[in-house]
Every structure is written in C-alpha cells, then in structure tokens.
Amino acid sequence: MVREPLTEEQIERGRALGALLRQARADRTMVDVARASGISVETLRKIEGGRIPTPAFFTVAAVAATLDLSLDALLARIDSADAPAPVAATLGPALLRPRGIAV
C-alpha cells in the first residue's frame, strides 16, 4: 500500500497544530510535557516544529490532555485560522480547561 503525499493544506494544518501546542505549553519544558503525555521528547519536538504534520490521534489527545486543552476547540482553532495567534489572547476559556477534566 502506497501512502498518498500530503497536500500543502495538510502540511500547513500540521504546522498550525504544532504552533498551538507549543504556545499552550508556555513555560513548561518539553521533557515535562512529553513525559506526562507518554511520548518521547523527540516526537513532541517534531509535532511542535511541524515535521510530523499528521500525528496519531491518541498522541494529540495525550498532549492536549497534559496541556488541559479541549480537542474540539483545538480542532476548531486549527480549521479557522491560517496562522496561530497567542493561545490566551485568541482561544480564551473555550480551549483552556481546568485541570482534572477528562478529554
């Protein structure tokens, strides 16, 4: 089975996802977030840098849960913008959830 090449739109969405996750990580270290998410630091680095434009769903879900992000709001934000803006300024409380709420 041959995988179709990614479209420019898919690549750009991967970059936007990575940028949003990086912004949401704020001052937390990659090591802290990766460890809490159950993924390698290198995987998180590649996602944040846009080098993994289509990460596995459960990987994104784990990182989002670690960062207290709503997957629905995260998807809506990626679908609605060309370039991510600062998380707190544009996403507001719809994306940021209090700790302890399951994804």
Foldseek 3Di string as FASTA:
>chain_A
DDDDDDDPLLLQLLQQLLCQLVLLCPPPDLVVLCVQLVHDSVVNVCSNRSVCSDDDPSSSQSSLLSSQFDPVLSVVQSVPDRHDDRCCVPSNPVTHDDHPDHD
